[in-house]
Amino acid sequence: MIYPYLLIIHSHVRWVVLVVILISISLSLLGFLRRRSFGKIDDLFRILVISLSHLQLVIGFTLYFYSPIVRSFFANKAESILVPEARFFGSTHISLMIASVILLTLGSAIAKRKTENQEKFKSLLFWFITSLLLIFIAIPWPFSPFVERPYFRGF
């Protein structure tokens, strides 16, 4: 079955997504503070953030529909809602991640349409930081109060 492999890939790709978002935020902050032009590298990272976050979302959707935890959640919602792990993966995680990808996509589209460099940087900063906060809440960190998972899943 492909489910365990997708779970490992999803676990590892999150780090790539987080790093690319953080780089894009850093570039936008430096661009905004130094009042520089919005260049090719800024646009490249804007596109990478959107592409990789959408890829991660597609992998996540696939996992969602094959997940035994999510299947159990929907098979018996009344009881499953009381189980933190089932509730987290059945509703919280996917809802926050969809919202975060929507915010990333909106921010990217808004920034792309801005004509002033400072406005592009400011838009990316606002939307990407807001999205990143949702992502940090929705990731099942080893220290999470909602549900714990390792930093990296092994093969």
C-alpha atoms as a PDB file:
ATOM      1  CA  MET A   1       0.000   0.000   0.000  1.00  0.00           C
ATOM      2  CA  ILE A   2       1.211   3.489  -0.853  1.00  0.00           C
ATOM      3  CA  TYR A   3      -0.147   5.154   2.307  1.00  0.00           C
ATOM      4  CA  PRO A   4       2.953   4.670   4.530  1.00  0.00           C
ATOM      5  CA  TYR A   5       5.244   5.988   1.793  1.00  0.00           C
ATOM      6  CA  LEU A   6       3.090   9.051   1.202  1.00  0.00           C
ATOM      7  CA  LEU A   7       3.059   9.679   4.943  1.00  0.00           C
ATOM      8  CA  ILE A   8       6.870   9.704   4.988  1.00  0.00           C
ATOM      9  CA  ILE A   9       7.039  11.941   1.906  1.00  0.00           C
ATOM     10  CA  HIS A  10       4.470  14.312   3.441  1.00  0.00           C
ATOM     11  CA  SER A  11       6.487  14.453   6.648  1.00  0.00           C
ATOM     12  CA  HIS A  12       9.694  15.343   4.800  1.00  0.00           C
ATOM     13  CA  VAL A  13       8.226  17.743   2.243  1.00  0.00           C
ATOM     14  CA  ARG A  14       6.855  19.895   5.085  1.00  0.00           C
ATOM     15  CA  TRP A  15      10.424  20.876   5.934  1.00  0.00           C
ATOM     16  CA  VAL A  16      11.083  21.973   2.365  1.00  0.00           C
ATOM     17  CA  VAL A  17       7.858  24.008   2.385  1.00  0.00           C
ATOM     18  CA  LEU A  18       8.733  25.622   5.723  1.00  0.00           C
ATOM     19  CA  VAL A  19      12.265  26.506   4.606  1.00  0.00           C
ATOM     20  CA  VAL A  20      11.048  28.014   1.326  1.00  0.00           C
ATOM     21  CA  ILE A  21       8.375  30.065   3.131  1.00  0.00           C
ATOM     22  CA  LEU A  22      10.945  31.305   5.658  1.00  0.00           C
ATOM     23  CA  ILE A  23      13.369  32.246   2.875  1.00  0.00           C
ATOM     24  CA  SER A  24      10.603  34.099   1.034  1.00  0.00           C
ATOM     25  CA  ILE A  25       9.612  35.947   4.208  1.00  0.00           C
ATOM     26  CA  SER A  26      13.269  36.831   4.869  1.00  0.00           C
ATOM     27  CA  LEU A  27      13.771  38.097   1.311  1.00  0.00           C
ATOM     28  CA  SER A  28      10.576  40.152   1.559  1.00  0.00           C
ATOM     29  CA  LEU A  29      11.573  41.640   4.897  1.00  0.00           C
ATOM     30  CA  LEU A  30      15.034  42.570   3.627  1.00  0.00           C
ATOM     31  CA  GLY A  31      13.567  43.938   0.415  1.00  0.00           C
ATOM     32  CA  PHE A  32      11.057  46.013   2.322  1.00  0.00           C
ATOM     33  CA  LEU A  33      13.547  47.340   4.870  1.00  0.00           C
ATOM     34  CA  ARG A  34      16.260  48.075   2.298  1.00  0.00           C
ATOM     35  CA  ARG A  35      13.740  49.486  -0.176  1.00  0.00           C
ATOM     36  CA  ARG A  36      15.160  47.423  -3.018  1.00  0.00           C
ATOM     37  CA  SER A  37      13.518  46.302  -6.244  1.00  0.00           C
ATOM     38  CA  PHE A  38      11.439  43.145  -6.340  1.00  0.00           C
ATOM     39  CA  GLY A  39      13.745  40.909  -8.358  1.00  0.00           C
ATOM     40  CA  LYS A  40      13.838  37.532 -10.042  1.00  0.00           C
ATOM     41  CA  ILE A  41      14.943  35.712  -6.870  1.00  0.00           C
ATOM     42  CA  ASP A  42      12.008  37.214  -4.941  1.00  0.00           C
ATOM     43  CA  ASP A  43       9.612  36.097  -7.649  1.00  0.00           C
ATOM     44  CA  LEU A  44      11.250  32.663  -7.842  1.00  0.00           C
ATOM     45  CA  PHE A  45      10.700  32.073  -4.127  1.00  0.00           C
ATOM     46  CA  ARG A  46       7.126  33.387  -4.359  1.00  0.00           C
ATOM     47  CA  ILE A  47       6.456  30.790  -7.065  1.00  0.00           C
ATOM     48  CA  LEU A  48       8.303  28.039  -5.157  1.00  0.00           C
ATOM     49  CA  VAL A  49       6.207  28.692  -2.054  1.00  0.00           C
ATOM     50  CA  ILE A  50       2.989  28.322  -4.028  1.00  0.00           C
ATOM     51  CA  SER A  51       4.122  25.304  -6.039  1.00  0.00           C
ATOM     52  CA  LEU A  52       5.479  23.359  -3.078  1.00  0.00           C
ATOM     53  CA  SER A  53       2.569  24.213  -0.781  1.00  0.00           C
ATOM     54  CA  HIS A  54       0.115  23.021  -3.442  1.00  0.00           C
ATOM     55  CA  LEU A  55       2.109  19.828  -3.923  1.00  0.00           C
ATOM     56  CA  GLN A  56       2.075  19.268  -0.151  1.00  0.00           C
ATOM     57  CA  LEU A  57      -1.678  19.890  -0.081  1.00  0.00           C
ATOM     58  CA  VAL A  58      -2.290  17.319  -2.840  1.00  0.00           C
ATOM     59  CA  ILE A  59      -0.205  14.748  -0.957  1.00  0.00           C
ATOM     60  CA  GLY A  60      -2.126  15.669   2.194  1.00  0.00           C
ATOM     61  CA  PHE A  61      -5.498  15.208   0.473  1.00  0.00           C
ATOM     62  CA  THR A  62      -4.425  11.786  -0.732  1.00  0.00           C
ATOM     63  CA  LEU A  63      -3.370  10.842   2.785  1.00  0.00           C
ATOM     64  CA  TYR A  64      -6.606  12.241   4.184  1.00  0.00           C
ATOM     65  CA  PHE A  65      -8.766   9.938   2.086  1.00  0.00           C
ATOM     66  CA  TYR A  66      -6.664   6.849   2.827  1.00  0.00           C
ATOM     67  CA  SER A  67      -5.922   7.537   6.485  1.00  0.00           C
ATOM     68  CA  PRO A  68      -7.243   4.915   8.923  1.00  0.00           C
ATOM     69  CA  ILE A  69      -7.543   7.666  11.561  1.00  0.00           C
ATOM     70  CA  VAL A  70      -9.691   9.838   9.308  1.00  0.00           C
ATOM     71  CA  ARG A  71     -11.792   6.869   8.171  1.00  0.00           C
ATOM     72  CA  SER A  72     -12.438   6.024  11.809  1.00  0.00           C
ATOM     73  CA  PHE A  73     -13.293   9.659  12.487  1.00  0.00           C
ATOM     74  CA  PHE A  74     -16.000   9.696   9.825  1.00  0.00           C
ATOM     75  CA  ALA A  75     -17.270   6.205  10.611  1.00  0.00           C
ATOM     76  CA  ASN A  76     -18.238   7.264  14.102  1.00  0.00           C
ATOM     77  CA  LYS A  77     -18.095  11.051  14.422  1.00  0.00           C
ATOM     78  CA  ALA A  78     -19.928  11.291  17.738  1.00  0.00           C
ATOM     79  CA  GLU A  79     -17.333   9.215  19.568  1.00  0.00           C
ATOM     80  CA  SER A  80     -14.331  10.188  17.447  1.00  0.00           C
ATOM     81  CA  ILE A  81     -14.771  13.886  18.133  1.00  0.00           C
ATOM     82  CA  LEU A  82     -13.828  13.119  21.739  1.00  0.00           C
ATOM     83  CA  VAL A  83     -10.541  11.479  20.679  1.00  0.00           C
ATOM     84  CA  PRO A  84      -7.912  14.233  20.257  1.00  0.00           C
ATOM     85  CA  GLU A  85      -5.936  12.437  17.531  1.00  0.00           C
ATOM     86  CA  ALA A  86      -9.033  11.646  15.470  1.00  0.00           C
ATOM     87  CA  ARG A  87     -10.407  15.168  15.873  1.00  0.00           C
ATOM     88  CA  PHE A  88      -7.056  16.728  14.959  1.00  0.00           C
ATOM     89  CA  PHE A  89      -6.523  14.732  11.769  1.00  0.00           C
ATOM     90  CA  GLY A  90     -10.214  14.486  10.895  1.00  0.00           C
ATOM     91  CA  SER A  91     -10.887  18.212  10.993  1.00  0.00           C
ATOM     92  CA  THR A  92      -8.327  20.573  12.547  1.00  0.00           C
ATOM     93  CA  HIS A  93      -5.192  19.697  10.560  1.00  0.00           C
ATOM     94  CA  ILE A  94      -6.821  19.652   7.151  1.00  0.00           C
ATOM     95  CA  SER A  95      -8.905  22.782   7.780  1.00  0.00           C
ATOM     96  CA  LEU A  96      -5.940  24.850   8.910  1.00  0.00           C
ATOM     97  CA  MET A  97      -3.721  23.580   6.111  1.00  0.00           C
ATOM     98  CA  ILE A  98      -6.319  24.347   3.438  1.00  0.00           C
ATOM     99  CA  ALA A  99      -6.729  27.826   4.937  1.00  0.00           C
ATOM    100  CA  SER A 100      -2.972  28.362   4.990  1.00  0.00           C
ATOM    101  CA  VAL A 101      -2.548  27.358   1.332  1.00  0.00           C
ATOM    102  CA  ILE A 102      -5.438  29.658   0.389  1.00  0.00           C
ATOM    103  CA  LEU A 103      -3.719  32.521   2.245  1.00  0.00           C
ATOM    104  CA  LEU A 104      -0.400  31.776   0.544  1.00  0.00           C
ATOM    105  CA  THR A 105      -2.093  31.708  -2.852  1.00  0.00           C
ATOM    106  CA  LEU A 106      -4.002  34.942  -2.196  1.00  0.00           C
ATOM    107  CA  GLY A 107      -0.883  36.666  -0.941  1.00  0.00           C
ATOM    108  CA  SER A 108       1.098  35.569  -3.952  1.00  0.00           C
ATOM    109  CA  ALA A 109      -1.596  36.710  -6.379  1.00  0.00           C
ATOM    110  CA  ILE A 110      -2.032  40.060  -4.628  1.00  0.00           C
ATOM    111  CA  ALA A 111       1.725  40.696  -4.541  1.00  0.00           C
ATOM    112  CA  LYS A 112       2.092  39.745  -8.194  1.00  0.00           C
ATOM    113  CA  ARG A 113      -0.463  42.385  -9.191  1.00  0.00           C
ATOM    114  CA  LYS A 114       1.127  45.197  -7.181  1.00  0.00           C
ATOM    115  CA  THR A 115       3.138  47.696  -9.196  1.00  0.00           C
ATOM    116  CA  GLU A 116       5.229  49.168  -6.377  1.00  0.00           C
ATOM    117  CA  ASN A 117       8.115  47.077  -5.018  1.00  0.00           C
ATOM    118  CA  GLN A 118       7.425  47.985  -1.393  1.00  0.00           C
ATOM    119  CA  GLU A 119       3.785  46.980  -1.768  1.00  0.00           C
ATOM    120  CA  LYS A 120       4.818  43.600  -3.211  1.00  0.00           C
ATOM    121  CA  PHE A 121       7.119  42.948  -0.267  1.00  0.00           C
ATOM    122  CA  LYS A 122       4.536  44.150   2.247  1.00  0.00           C
ATOM    123  CA  SER A 123       1.818  41.924   0.752  1.00  0.00           C
ATOM    124  CA  LEU A 124       4.027  38.848   0.802  1.00  0.00           C
ATOM    125  CA  LEU A 125       5.084  39.564   4.373  1.00  0.00           C
ATOM    126  CA  PHE A 126       1.536  39.890   5.645  1.00  0.00           C
ATOM    127  CA  TRP A 127       0.023  36.899   3.842  1.00  0.00           C
ATOM    128  CA  PHE A 128       2.988  34.540   4.189  1.00  0.00           C
ATOM    129  CA  ILE A 129       3.513  35.255   7.900  1.00  0.00           C
ATOM    130  CA  THR A 130      -0.212  34.811   8.592  1.00  0.00           C
ATOM    131  CA  SER A 131      -0.177  31.528   6.716  1.00  0.00           C
ATOM    132  CA  LEU A 132       2.991  30.387   8.456  1.00  0.00           C
ATOM    133  CA  LEU A 133       1.345  30.900  11.843  1.00  0.00           C
ATOM    134  CA  LEU A 134      -1.551  28.642  10.802  1.00  0.00           C
ATOM    135  CA  ILE A 135       0.905  26.053   9.519  1.00  0.00           C
ATOM    136  CA  PHE A 136       2.827  26.074  12.812  1.00  0.00           C
ATOM    137  CA  ILE A 137      -0.431  25.459  14.703  1.00  0.00           C
ATOM    138  CA  ALA A 138      -1.526  22.670  12.334  1.00  0.00           C
ATOM    139  CA  ILE A 139       1.716  20.677  12.237  1.00  0.00           C
ATOM    140  CA  PRO A 140       1.652  17.713  14.634  1.00  0.00           C
ATOM    141  CA  TRP A 141       4.917  18.616  16.364  1.00  0.00           C
ATOM    142  CA  PRO A 142       6.455  16.251  18.935  1.00  0.00           C
ATOM    143  CA  PHE A 143       5.605  18.885  21.567  1.00  0.00           C
ATOM    144  CA  SER A 144       2.099  19.697  20.282  1.00  0.00           C
ATOM    145  CA  PRO A 145      -0.753  19.807  22.812  1.00  0.00           C
ATOM    146  CA  PHE A 146      -3.095  18.434  20.113  1.00  0.00           C
ATOM    147  CA  VAL A 147      -1.292  15.362  18.786  1.00  0.00           C
ATOM    148  CA  GLU A 148       2.353  14.353  18.710  1.00  0.00           C
ATOM    149  CA  ARG A 149       4.339  13.055  15.763  1.00  0.00           C
ATOM    150  CA  PRO A 150       8.112  12.850  15.201  1.00  0.00           C
ATOM    151  CA  TYR A 151       9.992  15.574  13.343  1.00  0.00           C
ATOM    152  CA  PHE A 152      10.839  13.042  10.619  1.00  0.00           C
ATOM    153  CA  ARG A 153       9.124   9.764   9.815  1.00  0.00           C
ATOM    154  CA  GLY A 154      11.426   6.947   8.794  1.00  0.00           C
ATOM    155  CA  PHE A 155      11.128   4.401   6.031  1.00  0.00           C
END
